[in-house]
PDB file of N, CA and C in Angstrom:
ATOM      1  N   MET A   1     -24.266 -24.366 -11.919  1.00  0.00           N
ATOM      2  CA  MET A   1     -23.644 -24.095 -10.542  1.00  0.00           C
ATOM      3  C   MET A   1     -24.896 -24.921  -9.745  1.00  0.00           C
ATOM      4  N   ASP A   2     -26.157 -24.604  -9.920  1.00  0.00           N
ATOM      5  CA  ASP A   2     -27.284 -25.115  -9.532  1.00  0.00           C
ATOM      6  C   ASP A   2     -27.484 -26.913  -9.351  1.00  0.00           C
ATOM      7  N   GLY A   3     -27.150 -26.834 -10.844  1.00  0.00           N
ATOM      8  CA  GLY A   3     -27.065 -28.347 -11.225  1.00  0.00           C
ATOM      9  C   GLY A   3     -26.415 -29.441 -10.298  1.00  0.00           C
ATOM     10  N   MET A   4     -24.937 -28.836 -10.023  1.00  0.00           N
ATOM     11  CA  MET A   4     -24.125 -29.464  -9.252  1.00  0.00           C
ATOM     12  C   MET A   4     -24.208 -29.380  -7.964  1.00  0.00           C
ATOM     13  N   ASP A   5     -25.328 -28.720  -7.346  1.00  0.00           N
ATOM     14  CA  ASP A   5     -25.533 -28.671  -6.086  1.00  0.00           C
ATOM     15  C   ASP A   5     -24.417 -27.375  -5.266  1.00  0.00           C
ATOM     16  N   VAL A   6     -23.911 -26.816  -6.134  1.00  0.00           N
ATOM     17  CA  VAL A   6     -23.059 -25.738  -5.662  1.00  0.00           C
ATOM     18  C   VAL A   6     -23.775 -24.542  -4.959  1.00  0.00           C
ATOM     19  N   VAL A   7     -24.427 -24.250  -5.906  1.00  0.00           N
ATOM     20  CA  VAL A   7     -25.594 -23.046  -4.933  1.00  0.00           C
ATOM     21  C   VAL A   7     -27.048 -23.717  -5.507  1.00  0.00           C
ATOM     22  N   ASP A   8     -27.978 -23.280  -4.295  1.00  0.00           N
ATOM     23  CA  ASP A   8     -29.223 -23.449  -4.417  1.00  0.00           C
ATOM     24  C   ASP A   8     -29.941 -22.236  -5.041  1.00  0.00           C
ATOM     25  N   PHE A   9     -30.511 -22.339  -6.338  1.00  0.00           N
ATOM     26  CA  PHE A   9     -30.992 -20.988  -6.743  1.00  0.00           C
ATOM     27  C   PHE A   9     -32.664 -21.168  -7.093  1.00  0.00           C
ATOM     28  N   ASN A  10     -33.405 -20.059  -6.565  1.00  0.00           N
ATOM     29  CA  ASN A  10     -34.923 -19.936  -6.093  1.00  0.00           C
ATOM     30  C   ASN A  10     -34.789 -18.553  -7.299  1.00  0.00           C
ATOM     31  N   LYS A  11     -35.372 -19.274  -8.361  1.00  0.00           N
ATOM     32  CA  LYS A  11     -35.542 -18.249  -9.687  1.00  0.00           C
ATOM     33  C   LYS A  11     -36.656 -17.420  -9.218  1.00  0.00           C
ATOM     34  N   PRO A  12     -37.823 -17.869  -8.666  1.00  0.00           N
ATOM     35  CA  PRO A  12     -38.982 -16.825  -8.482  1.00  0.00           C
ATOM     36  C   PRO A  12     -39.009 -16.067  -7.392  1.00  0.00           C
ATOM     37  N   ARG A  13     -37.827 -16.503  -6.555  1.00  0.00           N
ATOM     38  CA  ARG A  13     -37.686 -15.370  -5.464  1.00  0.00           C
ATOM     39  C   ARG A  13     -36.427 -14.652  -5.228  1.00  0.00           C
ATOM     40  N   ALA A  14     -35.666 -15.061  -6.712  1.00  0.00           N
ATOM     41  CA  ALA A  14     -34.600 -14.753  -6.900  1.00  0.00           C
ATOM     42  C   ALA A  14     -33.231 -14.874  -5.804  1.00  0.00           C
ATOM     43  N   ILE A  15     -33.696 -15.623  -5.332  1.00  0.00           N
ATOM     44  CA  ILE A  15     -32.455 -16.138  -3.952  1.00  0.00           C
ATOM     45  C   ILE A  15     -31.629 -17.186  -4.186  1.00  0.00           C
ATOM     46  N   ILE A  16     -30.324 -16.796  -4.074  1.00  0.00           N
ATOM     47  CA  ILE A  16     -29.084 -17.702  -4.025  1.00  0.00           C
ATOM     48  C   ILE A  16     -28.454 -18.065  -2.813  1.00  0.00           C
ATOM     49  N   LYS A  17     -28.234 -19.367  -2.427  1.00  0.00           N
ATOM     50  CA  LYS A  17     -28.023 -19.719  -1.171  1.00  0.00           C
ATOM     51  C   LYS A  17     -26.685 -20.619  -1.354  1.00  0.00           C
ATOM     52  N   PRO A  18     -25.545 -20.729  -0.716  1.00  0.00           N
ATOM     53  CA  PRO A  18     -24.708 -21.948  -0.935  1.00  0.00           C
ATOM     54  C   PRO A  18     -25.410 -23.414  -0.965  1.00  0.00           C
ATOM     55  N   GLY A  19     -25.105 -24.155  -1.740  1.00  0.00           N
ATOM     56  CA  GLY A  19     -25.630 -25.705  -1.725  1.00  0.00           C
ATOM     57  C   GLY A  19     -24.522 -26.262  -1.121  1.00  0.00           C
ATOM     58  N   GLU A  20     -24.726 -27.659  -1.122  1.00  0.00           N
ATOM     59  CA  GLU A  20     -24.294 -28.771  -0.455  1.00  0.00           C
ATOM     60  C   GLU A  20     -22.549 -28.674  -0.892  1.00  0.00           C
ATOM     61  N   ASN A  21     -22.263 -28.907  -1.803  1.00  0.00           N
ATOM     62  CA  ASN A  21     -21.190 -29.080  -2.790  1.00  0.00           C
ATOM     63  C   ASN A  21     -19.865 -27.671  -2.751  1.00  0.00           C
ATOM     64  N   ILE A  22     -20.694 -26.685  -1.991  1.00  0.00           N
ATOM     65  CA  ILE A  22     -20.047 -25.440  -1.980  1.00  0.00           C
ATOM     66  C   ILE A  22     -18.539 -25.562  -1.234  1.00  0.00           C
ATOM     67  N   GLU A  23     -18.341 -26.525  -0.435  1.00  0.00           N
ATOM     68  CA  GLU A  23     -17.022 -26.668   0.432  1.00  0.00           C
ATOM     69  C   GLU A  23     -16.195 -26.838  -0.586  1.00  0.00           C
ATOM     70  N   MET A  24     -16.028 -27.458  -1.760  1.00  0.00           N
ATOM     71  CA  MET A  24     -15.099 -27.745  -2.730  1.00  0.00           C
ATOM     72  C   MET A  24     -14.562 -26.312  -3.007  1.00  0.00           C
ATOM     73  N   PHE A  25     -15.497 -25.385  -3.310  1.00  0.00           N
ATOM     74  CA  PHE A  25     -14.862 -24.157  -4.093  1.00  0.00           C
ATOM     75  C   PHE A  25     -14.173 -23.204  -2.839  1.00  0.00           C
ATOM     76  N   TYR A  26     -14.399 -23.607  -1.761  1.00  0.00           N
ATOM     77  CA  TYR A  26     -13.739 -22.487  -0.688  1.00  0.00           C
ATOM     78  C   TYR A  26     -12.391 -22.145  -0.948  1.00  0.00           C
ATOM     79  N   SER A  27     -11.488 -22.962  -1.163  1.00  0.00           N
ATOM     80  CA  SER A  27     -10.180 -23.033  -1.368  1.00  0.00           C
ATOM     81  C   SER A  27      -9.700 -22.072  -2.694  1.00  0.00           C
ATOM     82  N   TYR A  28     -10.795 -22.203  -3.254  1.00  0.00           N
ATOM     83  CA  TYR A  28     -10.318 -21.295  -4.642  1.00  0.00           C
ATOM     84  C   TYR A  28     -10.890 -19.940  -4.123  1.00  0.00           C
ATOM     85  N   LEU A  29     -12.117 -19.460  -3.342  1.00  0.00           N
ATOM     86  CA  LEU A  29     -12.549 -18.392  -3.555  1.00  0.00           C
ATOM     87  C   LEU A  29     -11.554 -17.756  -2.117  1.00  0.00           C
ATOM     88  N   ASP A  30     -11.032 -18.277  -1.085  1.00  0.00           N
ATOM     89  CA  ASP A  30     -10.383 -17.677   0.194  1.00  0.00           C
ATOM     90  C   ASP A  30      -9.080 -17.134  -0.561  1.00  0.00           C
ATOM     91  N   THR A  31      -8.796 -15.943  -0.177  1.00  0.00           N
ATOM     92  CA  THR A  31      -6.957 -15.655  -0.422  1.00  0.00           C
ATOM     93  C   THR A  31      -6.347 -15.515   0.937  1.00  0.00           C
ATOM     94  N   PRO A  32      -5.320 -15.616   0.736  1.00  0.00           N
ATOM     95  CA  PRO A  32      -4.364 -15.636   2.184  1.00  0.00           C
ATOM     96  C   PRO A  32      -4.597 -14.343   2.595  1.00  0.00           C
ATOM     97  N   ASP A  33      -4.035 -14.091   3.599  1.00  0.00           N
ATOM     98  CA  ASP A  33      -4.156 -12.402   4.368  1.00  0.00           C
ATOM     99  C   ASP A  33      -2.933 -11.682   3.778  1.00  0.00           C
ATOM    100  N   THR A  34      -1.958 -12.684   3.558  1.00  0.00           N
ATOM    101  CA  THR A  34      -0.312 -11.759   2.856  1.00  0.00           C
ATOM    102  C   THR A  34      -0.292 -11.751   1.497  1.00  0.00           C
ATOM    103  N   THR A  35      -1.108 -10.692   0.904  1.00  0.00           N
ATOM    104  CA  THR A  35      -0.673 -10.474  -0.161  1.00  0.00           C
ATOM    105  C   THR A  35       0.318  -9.866  -0.694  1.00  0.00           C
ATOM    106  N   PRO A  36       0.880  -9.974  -2.171  1.00  0.00           N
ATOM    107  CA  PRO A  36       2.139  -8.734  -2.348  1.00  0.00           C
ATOM    108  C   PRO A  36       1.369  -7.467  -2.160  1.00  0.00           C
ATOM    109  N   ASP A  37      -0.022  -7.248  -2.509  1.00  0.00           N
ATOM    110  CA  ASP A  37      -0.619  -5.590  -2.511  1.00  0.00           C
ATOM    111  C   ASP A  37      -0.405  -5.493  -1.126  1.00  0.00           C
ATOM    112  N   GLY A  38      -0.733  -6.187  -0.347  1.00  0.00           N
ATOM    113  CA  GLY A  38      -1.043  -5.712   1.068  1.00  0.00           C
ATOM    114  C   GLY A  38       0.311  -5.611   1.886  1.00  0.00           C
ATOM    115  N   GLN A  39       1.226  -6.006   1.288  1.00  0.00           N
ATOM    116  CA  GLN A  39       2.956  -5.860   1.514  1.00  0.00           C
ATOM    117  C   GLN A  39       2.888  -4.413   1.046  1.00  0.00           C
ATOM    118  N   PHE A  40       3.006  -4.213  -0.239  1.00  0.00           N
ATOM    119  CA  PHE A  40       3.430  -2.970  -0.788  1.00  0.00           C
ATOM    120  C   PHE A  40       2.672  -1.782  -0.176  1.00  0.00           C
ATOM    121  N   SER A  41       1.326  -2.002   0.175  1.00  0.00           N
ATOM    122  CA  SER A  41       0.650  -0.956   0.847  1.00  0.00           C
ATOM    123  C   SER A  41       1.336  -0.508   2.018  1.00  0.00           C
ATOM    124  N   LYS A  42       1.979  -1.492   2.935  1.00  0.00           N
ATOM    125  CA  LYS A  42       2.668  -0.741   3.717  1.00  0.00           C
ATOM    126  C   LYS A  42       3.797  -0.014   3.473  1.00  0.00           C
ATOM    127  N   TYR A  43       4.305  -0.446   2.583  1.00  0.00           N
ATOM    128  CA  TYR A  43       5.333   0.271   1.773  1.00  0.00           C
ATOM    129  C   TYR A  43       5.387   1.769   1.556  1.00  0.00           C
ATOM    130  N   TYR A  44       3.830   2.191   0.738  1.00  0.00           N
ATOM    131  CA  TYR A  44       3.370   2.938  -0.007  1.00  0.00           C
ATOM    132  C   TYR A  44       3.314   3.979   1.514  1.00  0.00           C
ATOM    133  N   LEU A  45       2.446   3.431   2.857  1.00  0.00           N
ATOM    134  CA  LEU A  45       1.900   3.815   3.858  1.00  0.00           C
ATOM    135  C   LEU A  45       3.269   4.641   4.483  1.00  0.00           C
ATOM    136  N   GLY A  46       4.062   3.636   4.567  1.00  0.00           N
ATOM    137  CA  GLY A  46       5.573   4.250   5.645  1.00  0.00           C
ATOM    138  C   GLY A  46       6.369   5.426   4.481  1.00  0.00           C
ATOM    139  N   LEU A  47       6.371   5.139   3.087  1.00  0.00           N
ATOM    140  CA  LEU A  47       7.056   6.139   2.545  1.00  0.00           C
ATOM    141  C   LEU A  47       6.274   7.476   2.620  1.00  0.00           C
ATOM    142  N   SER A  48       4.736   7.660   2.644  1.00  0.00           N
ATOM    143  CA  SER A  48       4.225   8.640   2.914  1.00  0.00           C
ATOM    144  C   SER A  48       4.095   9.176   4.052  1.00  0.00           C
ATOM    145  N   VAL A  49       4.544   8.441   5.177  1.00  0.00           N
ATOM    146  CA  VAL A  49       4.528   9.112   6.471  1.00  0.00           C
ATOM    147  C   VAL A  49       6.363   9.730   6.761  1.00  0.00           C
ATOM    148  N   VAL A  50       6.756   9.164   5.999  1.00  0.00           N
ATOM    149  CA  VAL A  50       8.297   9.706   5.762  1.00  0.00           C
ATOM    150  C   VAL A  50       8.338  10.917   5.170  1.00  0.00           C
ATOM    151  N   MET A  51       7.936  10.890   3.974  1.00  0.00           N
ATOM    152  CA  MET A  51       7.895  12.276   3.319  1.00  0.00           C
ATOM    153  C   MET A  51       6.829  13.468   3.854  1.00  0.00           C
ATOM    154  N   LEU A  52       5.780  12.886   4.705  1.00  0.00           N
ATOM    155  CA  LEU A  52       5.102  14.221   5.145  1.00  0.00           C
ATOM    156  C   LEU A  52       5.994  15.129   6.405  1.00  0.00           C
ATOM    157  N   VAL A  53       6.548  13.829   6.940  1.00  0.00           N
ATOM    158  CA  VAL A  53       7.368  14.607   7.640  1.00  0.00           C
ATOM    159  C   VAL A  53       8.905  15.366   7.596  1.00  0.00           C
ATOM    160  N   SER A  54       9.192  14.603   6.454  1.00  0.00           N
ATOM    161  CA  SER A  54      10.066  15.278   5.705  1.00  0.00           C
ATOM    162  C   SER A  54       9.954  16.721   4.892  1.00  0.00           C
ATOM    163  N   LEU A  55       8.699  16.802   4.808  1.00  0.00           N
ATOM    164  CA  LEU A  55       8.315  18.009   3.809  1.00  0.00           C
ATOM    165  C   LEU A  55       7.984  19.277   5.337  1.00  0.00           C
ATOM    166  N   VAL A  56       7.141  18.540   6.042  1.00  0.00           N
ATOM    167  CA  VAL A  56       7.150  19.571   7.089  1.00  0.00           C
ATOM    168  C   VAL A  56       8.211  20.164   7.823  1.00  0.00           C
ATOM    169  N   LEU A  57       9.397  19.016   8.201  1.00  0.00           N
ATOM    170  CA  LEU A  57      10.688  19.842   8.635  1.00  0.00           C
ATOM    171  C   LEU A  57      11.388  20.768   7.425  1.00  0.00           C
ATOM    172  N   ALA A  58      11.132  20.542   6.266  1.00  0.00           N
ATOM    173  CA  ALA A  58      11.736  21.434   5.263  1.00  0.00           C
ATOM    174  C   ALA A  58      11.157  22.632   5.389  1.00  0.00           C
ATOM    175  N   ALA A  59       9.962  22.715   5.357  1.00  0.00           N
ATOM    176  CA  ALA A  59       9.019  24.026   5.700  1.00  0.00           C
ATOM    177  C   ALA A  59       9.804  25.028   6.750  1.00  0.00           C
ATOM    178  N   LEU A  60       9.967  24.098   7.874  1.00  0.00           N
ATOM    179  CA  LEU A  60      10.379  24.882   8.972  1.00  0.00           C
ATOM    180  C   LEU A  60      11.845  25.438   8.976  1.00  0.00           C
ATOM    181  N   ILE A  61      12.638  24.402   7.916  1.00  0.00           N
ATOM    182  CA  ILE A  61      13.913  24.892   8.394  1.00  0.00           C
ATOM    183  C   ILE A  61      14.482  25.708   6.847  1.00  0.00           C
ATOM    184  N   GLU A  62      13.572  25.816   6.010  1.00  0.00           N
ATOM    185  CA  GLU A  62      13.902  26.495   4.683  1.00  0.00           C
ATOM    186  C   GLU A  62      14.387  28.000   4.829  1.00  0.00           C
ATOM    187  N   SER A  63      13.853  28.745   5.934  1.00  0.00           N
ATOM    188  CA  SER A  63      14.374  29.733   5.881  1.00  0.00           C
ATOM    189  C   SER A  63      15.785  30.140   6.463  1.00  0.00           C
ATOM    190  N   THR A  64      16.271  28.760   6.824  1.00  0.00           N
ATOM    191  CA  THR A  64      17.602  29.296   7.495  1.00  0.00           C
ATOM    192  C   THR A  64      18.592  28.391   6.367  1.00  0.00           C
ATOM    193  N   MET A  65      17.905  27.849   5.361  1.00  0.00           N
ATOM    194  CA  MET A  65      19.266  27.273   4.342  1.00  0.00           C
ATOM    195  C   MET A  65      18.821  28.214   3.279  1.00  0.00           C
ATOM    196  N   ALA A  66      20.453  27.754   2.416  1.00  0.00           N
ATOM    197  CA  ALA A  66      20.714  28.538   1.415  1.00  0.00           C
ATOM    198  C   ALA A  66      19.896  28.137   0.168  1.00  0.00           C
ATOM    199  N   PHE A  67      19.284  26.801   0.126  1.00  0.00           N
ATOM    200  CA  PHE A  67      18.665  26.306  -1.033  1.00  0.00           C
ATOM    201  C   PHE A  67      17.531  25.485  -0.899  1.00  0.00           C
ATOM    202  N   PRO A  68      16.592  25.459  -1.836  1.00  0.00           N
ATOM    203  CA  PRO A  68      15.320  25.350  -1.418  1.00  0.00           C
ATOM    204  C   PRO A  68      14.844  24.240  -1.174  1.00  0.00           C
ATOM    205  N   ALA A  69      14.972  23.508   0.308  1.00  0.00           N
ATOM    206  CA  ALA A  69      14.895  22.599   1.150  1.00  0.00           C
ATOM    207  C   ALA A  69      13.381  21.512   0.923  1.00  0.00           C
ATOM    208  N   ILE A  70      12.427  22.625   0.451  1.00  0.00           N
ATOM    209  CA  ILE A  70      11.023  22.197  -0.134  1.00  0.00           C
ATOM    210  C   ILE A  70      11.084  21.051  -1.370  1.00  0.00           C
ATOM    211  N   GLY A  71      11.593  22.049  -2.145  1.00  0.00           N
ATOM    212  CA  GLY A  71      11.436  21.349  -3.516  1.00  0.00           C
ATOM    213  C   GLY A  71      12.737  20.638  -3.880  1.00  0.00           C
ATOM    214  N   LEU A  72      13.845  20.176  -3.000  1.00  0.00           N
ATOM    215  CA  LEU A  72      14.504  19.004  -2.815  1.00  0.00           C
ATOM    216  C   LEU A  72      13.714  17.562  -2.330  1.00  0.00           C
ATOM    217  N   VAL A  73      13.369  18.212  -1.499  1.00  0.00           N
ATOM    218  CA  VAL A  73      12.271  17.004  -0.639  1.00  0.00           C
ATOM    219  C   VAL A  73      10.874  16.290  -1.420  1.00  0.00           C
ATOM    220  N   ALA A  74      10.382  17.356  -2.296  1.00  0.00           N
ATOM    221  CA  ALA A  74       9.614  16.772  -2.886  1.00  0.00           C
ATOM    222  C   ALA A  74      10.201  16.462  -4.083  1.00  0.00           C
ATOM    223  N   GLY A  75      11.352  16.527  -4.633  1.00  0.00           N
ATOM    224  CA  GLY A  75      12.074  15.700  -5.737  1.00  0.00           C
ATOM    225  C   GLY A  75      12.266  14.527  -5.232  1.00  0.00           C
ATOM    226  N   VAL A  76      12.930  14.310  -4.391  1.00  0.00           N
ATOM    227  CA  VAL A  76      13.235  12.839  -3.288  1.00  0.00           C
ATOM    228  C   VAL A  76      11.770  12.021  -3.455  1.00  0.00           C
ATOM    229  N   ALA A  77      10.596  12.603  -2.914  1.00  0.00           N
ATOM    230  CA  ALA A  77       9.545  11.705  -2.969  1.00  0.00           C
ATOM    231  C   ALA A  77       9.118  11.291  -3.954  1.00  0.00           C
ATOM    232  N   VAL A  78       9.190  12.191  -4.871  1.00  0.00           N
ATOM    233  CA  VAL A  78       8.666  11.483  -6.314  1.00  0.00           C
ATOM    234  C   VAL A  78       9.263  10.644  -6.596  1.00  0.00           C
ATOM    235  N   LEU A  79      10.679  10.589  -6.579  1.00  0.00           N
ATOM    236  CA  LEU A  79      11.594   9.732  -6.916  1.00  0.00           C
ATOM    237  C   LEU A  79      11.230   8.414  -6.142  1.00  0.00           C
ATOM    238  N   ALA A  80      11.242   8.513  -4.763  1.00  0.00           N
ATOM    239  CA  ALA A  80      11.131   7.324  -4.402  1.00  0.00           C
ATOM    240  C   ALA A  80       9.987   6.908  -4.422  1.00  0.00           C
ATOM    241  N   PHE A  81       8.468   7.502  -4.517  1.00  0.00           N
ATOM    242  CA  PHE A  81       7.540   6.653  -4.889  1.00  0.00           C
ATOM    243  C   PHE A  81       7.404   6.040  -6.386  1.00  0.00           C
ATOM    244  N   ALA A  82       8.326   6.552  -7.126  1.00  0.00           N
ATOM    245  CA  ALA A  82       8.328   6.016  -8.657  1.00  0.00           C
ATOM    246  C   ALA A  82       9.263   5.062  -8.358  1.00  0.00           C
ATOM    247  N   THR A  83      10.331   4.723  -7.653  1.00  0.00           N
ATOM    248  CA  THR A  83      11.065   3.524  -7.557  1.00  0.00           C
ATOM    249  C   THR A  83       9.950   2.484  -6.888  1.00  0.00           C
ATOM    250  N   THR A  84       9.453   2.785  -5.610  1.00  0.00           N
ATOM    251  CA  THR A  84       8.361   1.694  -5.300  1.00  0.00           C
ATOM    252  C   THR A  84       7.376   1.312  -5.946  1.00  0.00           C
ATOM    253  N   ALA A  85       7.015   2.313  -6.772  1.00  0.00           N
ATOM    254  CA  ALA A  85       5.815   1.749  -7.554  1.00  0.00           C
ATOM    255  C   ALA A  85       6.538   0.782  -9.016  1.00  0.00           C
ATOM    256  N   TRP A  86       7.764   1.112  -9.479  1.00  0.00           N
ATOM    257  CA  TRP A  86       8.221  -0.290 -10.228  1.00  0.00           C
ATOM    258  C   TRP A  86       8.763  -0.879  -9.691  1.00  0.00           C
ATOM    259  N   ALA A  87       8.920  -1.109  -8.377  1.00  0.00           N
ATOM    260  CA  ALA A  87       9.249  -2.468  -7.637  1.00  0.00           C
ATOM    261  C   ALA A  87       8.166  -3.089  -7.236  1.00  0.00           C
ATOM    262  N   HIS A  88       7.007  -2.445  -7.415  1.00  0.00           N
ATOM    263  CA  HIS A  88       5.850  -3.100  -6.956  1.00  0.00           C
ATOM    264  C   HIS A  88       5.058  -3.900  -8.285  1.00  0.00           C
ATOM    265  N   HIS A  89       5.445  -3.066  -9.567  1.00  0.00           N
ATOM    266  CA  HIS A  89       5.045  -3.512 -10.843  1.00  0.00           C
ATOM    267  C   HIS A  89       5.741  -5.070 -10.970  1.00  0.00           C
ATOM    268  N   THR A  90       7.169  -4.799 -11.241  1.00  0.00           N
ATOM    269  CA  THR A  90       8.214  -5.833 -11.652  1.00  0.00           C
ATOM    270  C   THR A  90       7.749  -6.806 -10.401  1.00  0.00           C
ATOM    271  N   SER A  91       7.578  -6.668  -9.459  1.00  0.00           N
ATOM    272  CA  SER A  91       7.226  -7.748  -8.268  1.00  0.00           C
ATOM    273  C   SER A  91       5.802  -8.718  -8.868  1.00  0.00           C
ATOM    274  N   GLU A  92       4.806  -8.234  -9.393  1.00  0.00           N
ATOM    275  CA  GLU A  92       3.952  -8.812  -9.837  1.00  0.00           C
ATOM    276  C   GLU A  92       3.797  -9.473 -11.330  1.00  0.00           C
ATOM    277  N   THR A  93       4.737  -9.188 -12.101  1.00  0.00           N
ATOM    278  CA  THR A  93       5.264  -9.929 -13.381  1.00  0.00           C
ATOM    279  C   THR A  93       6.339 -10.959 -13.108  1.00  0.00           C
ATOM    280  N   ASP A  94       6.155 -11.964 -13.987  1.00  0.00           N
ATOM    281  CA  ASP A  94       7.067 -12.991 -13.963  1.00  0.00           C
ATOM    282  C   ASP A  94       8.816 -12.795 -14.388  1.00  0.00           C
ATOM    283  N   SER A  95       8.846 -11.453 -14.765  1.00  0.00           N
ATOM    284  CA  SER A  95      10.245 -11.354 -15.421  1.00  0.00           C
ATOM    285  C   SER A  95      10.889 -10.617 -14.311  1.00  0.00           C
ATOM    286  N   SER A  96      12.004 -10.818 -14.679  1.00  0.00           N
ATOM    287  CA  SER A  96      13.298  -9.542 -13.828  1.00  0.00           C
ATOM    288  C   SER A  96      13.127  -8.132 -14.100  1.00  0.00           C
ATOM    289  N   PRO A  97      13.327  -7.356 -12.711  1.00  0.00           N
ATOM    290  CA  PRO A  97      13.627  -6.347 -13.307  1.00  0.00           C
ATOM    291  C   PRO A  97      14.023  -5.579 -14.669  1.00  0.00           C
ATOM    292  N   ALA A  98      14.891  -6.275 -14.682  1.00  0.00           N
ATOM    293  CA  ALA A  98      15.888  -5.807 -16.156  1.00  0.00           C
ATOM    294  C   ALA A  98      15.283  -6.390 -17.461  1.00  0.00           C
ATOM    295  N   GLU A  99      14.629  -7.581 -17.241  1.00  0.00           N
ATOM    296  CA  GLU A  99      13.780  -7.772 -18.444  1.00  0.00           C
ATOM    297  C   GLU A  99      12.618  -6.947 -18.631  1.00  0.00           C
ATOM    298  N   ALA A 100      12.200  -6.251 -17.606  1.00  0.00           N
ATOM    299  CA  ALA A 100      10.997  -5.231 -17.235  1.00  0.00           C
ATOM    300  C   ALA A 100      11.300  -4.114 -18.059  1.00  0.00           C
ATOM    301  N   LEU A 101      12.611  -3.899 -17.979  1.00  0.00           N
ATOM    302  CA  LEU A 101      13.307  -2.371 -18.334  1.00  0.00           C
ATOM    303  C   LEU A 101      13.319  -2.479 -19.956  1.00  0.00           C
ATOM    304  N   LEU A 102      14.372  -3.597 -20.187  1.00  0.00           N
ATOM    305  CA  LEU A 102      14.295  -3.768 -21.792  1.00  0.00           C
ATOM    306  C   LEU A 102      12.881  -3.906 -22.624  1.00  0.00           C
ATOM    307  N   SER A 103      11.865  -4.936 -22.150  1.00  0.00           N
ATOM    308  CA  SER A 103      10.410  -4.833 -22.687  1.00  0.00           C
ATOM    309  C   SER A 103       9.775  -3.515 -22.649  1.00  0.00           C
ATOM    310  N   ALA A 104      10.228  -2.571 -21.858  1.00  0.00           N
ATOM    311  CA  ALA A 104       9.277  -1.314 -21.725  1.00  0.00           C
ATOM    312  C   ALA A 104       9.703  -0.343 -22.867  1.00  0.00           C
ATOM    313  N   GLY A 105      11.293  -0.804 -23.450  1.00  0.00           N
ATOM    314  CA  GLY A 105      11.357   0.147 -24.470  1.00  0.00           C
ATOM    315  C   GLY A 105      10.990  -0.397 -25.702  1.00  0.00           C
ATOM    316  N   GLU A 106      10.352  -1.674 -25.945  1.00  0.00           N
ATOM    317  CA  GLU A 106       9.931  -1.821 -27.371  1.00  0.00           C
ATOM    318  C   GLU A 106       8.564  -1.017 -27.594  1.00  0.00           C
TER     319      GLU A 106
END
Protein backbone atom coordinates (compact mmCIF):
# COMPACT_ATOMS: atom_id res chain seq x y z
CA MET A 1 0.00 0.00 0.00
CA ASP A 2 2.88 2.34 0.75
CA GLY A 3 4.56 1.50 -2.57
CA MET A 4 1.36 2.32 -4.48
CA ASP A 5 1.03 5.63 -2.60
CA VAL A 6 -2.29 4.62 -1.10
CA VAL A 7 -0.95 5.24 2.40
CA ASP A 8 2.14 7.03 3.65
CA PHE A 9 3.86 4.89 6.26
CA ASN A 10 6.55 6.36 8.49
CA LYS A 11 8.02 3.28 10.17
CA PRO A 12 10.31 5.02 12.73
CA ARG A 13 7.43 7.11 14.05
CA ALA A 14 4.76 4.43 13.45
CA ILE A 15 2.55 6.93 11.63
CA ILE A 16 0.18 5.96 8.84
CA LYS A 17 -1.54 8.68 6.80
CA PRO A 18 -3.67 8.53 3.66
CA GLY A 19 -1.61 8.83 0.47
CA GLU A 20 -2.36 10.53 -2.83
CA ASN A 21 -4.12 7.48 -4.34
CA ILE A 22 -6.45 6.80 -1.40
CA GLU A 23 -9.41 8.30 -3.31
CA MET A 24 -9.64 5.17 -5.48
CA PHE A 25 -10.44 3.06 -2.42
CA TYR A 26 -13.12 5.22 -0.79
CA SER A 27 -15.87 3.59 -2.86
CA TYR A 28 -14.86 0.24 -1.34
CA LEU A 29 -14.52 1.58 2.19
CA ASP A 30 -17.69 3.68 2.40
CA THR A 31 -20.89 1.79 2.97
CA PRO A 32 -24.36 3.11 2.30
CA ASP A 33 -26.49 4.12 5.28
CA THR A 34 -29.30 1.79 4.25
CA THR A 35 -27.95 -1.64 5.04
CA PRO A 36 -30.21 -4.64 5.58
CA ASP A 37 -28.98 -4.87 9.17
CA GLY A 38 -30.04 -1.26 9.76
CA GLN A 39 -33.49 -2.11 8.47
CA PHE A 40 -33.83 -5.10 10.76
CA SER A 41 -32.61 -3.16 13.80
CA LYS A 42 -35.72 -1.00 13.36
CA TYR A 43 -37.88 -4.13 13.23
CA TYR A 44 -36.30 -5.51 16.41
CA LEU A 45 -36.68 -2.16 18.19
CA GLY A 46 -40.32 -1.83 17.16
CA LEU A 47 -41.04 -5.41 18.14
CA SER A 48 -39.38 -4.85 21.53
CA VAL A 49 -41.53 -1.78 22.23
CA VAL A 50 -44.73 -3.57 21.21
CA MET A 51 -43.90 -6.60 23.35
CA LEU A 52 -42.94 -4.46 26.36
CA VAL A 53 -46.24 -2.58 26.18
CA SER A 54 -48.08 -5.90 25.76
CA LEU A 55 -46.38 -7.39 28.81
CA VAL A 56 -47.21 -4.35 30.95
CA LEU A 57 -50.85 -4.47 29.83
CA ALA A 58 -50.99 -8.22 30.45
CA ALA A 59 -49.61 -7.74 33.97
CA LEU A 60 -52.26 -5.11 34.67
CA ILE A 61 -55.22 -7.15 33.42
CA GLU A 62 -54.09 -10.64 34.42
CA SER A 63 -55.99 -10.56 37.71
CA THR A 64 -59.27 -10.05 35.82
CA MET A 65 -58.61 -12.79 33.25
CA ALA A 66 -59.34 -16.50 33.57
CA PHE A 67 -56.10 -17.45 31.75
CA PRO A 68 -52.45 -16.50 32.31
CA ALA A 69 -52.12 -13.41 30.11
CA ILE A 70 -48.41 -12.89 30.86
CA GLY A 71 -47.55 -16.41 29.73
CA LEU A 72 -49.52 -15.97 26.53
CA VAL A 73 -47.88 -12.63 25.74
CA ALA A 74 -44.43 -14.05 26.54
CA GLY A 75 -45.06 -16.94 24.16
CA VAL A 76 -46.18 -14.58 21.42
CA ALA A 77 -43.07 -12.44 22.04
CA VAL A 78 -40.75 -15.41 21.66
CA LEU A 79 -42.55 -16.51 18.50
CA ALA A 80 -42.41 -12.97 17.05
CA PHE A 81 -38.70 -12.60 17.74
CA ALA A 82 -37.97 -16.06 16.33
CA THR A 83 -39.91 -15.24 13.15
CA THR A 84 -38.12 -11.90 12.76
CA ALA A 85 -34.72 -13.51 13.35
CA TRP A 86 -35.52 -16.20 10.76
CA ALA A 87 -36.56 -13.53 8.23
CA HIS A 88 -33.35 -11.62 8.98
CA HIS A 89 -31.27 -14.75 8.48
CA THR A 90 -32.93 -15.70 5.20
CA SER A 91 -32.64 -12.15 3.84
CA GLU A 92 -28.85 -12.33 4.26
CA THR A 93 -28.55 -15.52 2.22
CA ASP A 94 -29.06 -15.85 -1.51
CA SER A 95 -31.47 -18.74 -1.12
CA SER A 96 -35.21 -18.50 -0.77
CA PRO A 97 -36.85 -19.13 2.63
CA ALA A 98 -38.02 -22.57 1.46
CA GLU A 99 -34.49 -23.52 0.39
CA ALA A 100 -33.13 -22.28 3.72
CA LEU A 101 -35.64 -24.45 5.58
CA LEU A 102 -34.78 -27.52 3.51
CA SER A 103 -31.04 -27.02 3.92
CA ALA A 104 -31.43 -26.58 7.69
CA GLY A 105 -32.66 -30.18 7.97
CA GLU A 106 -29.58 -31.64 6.26
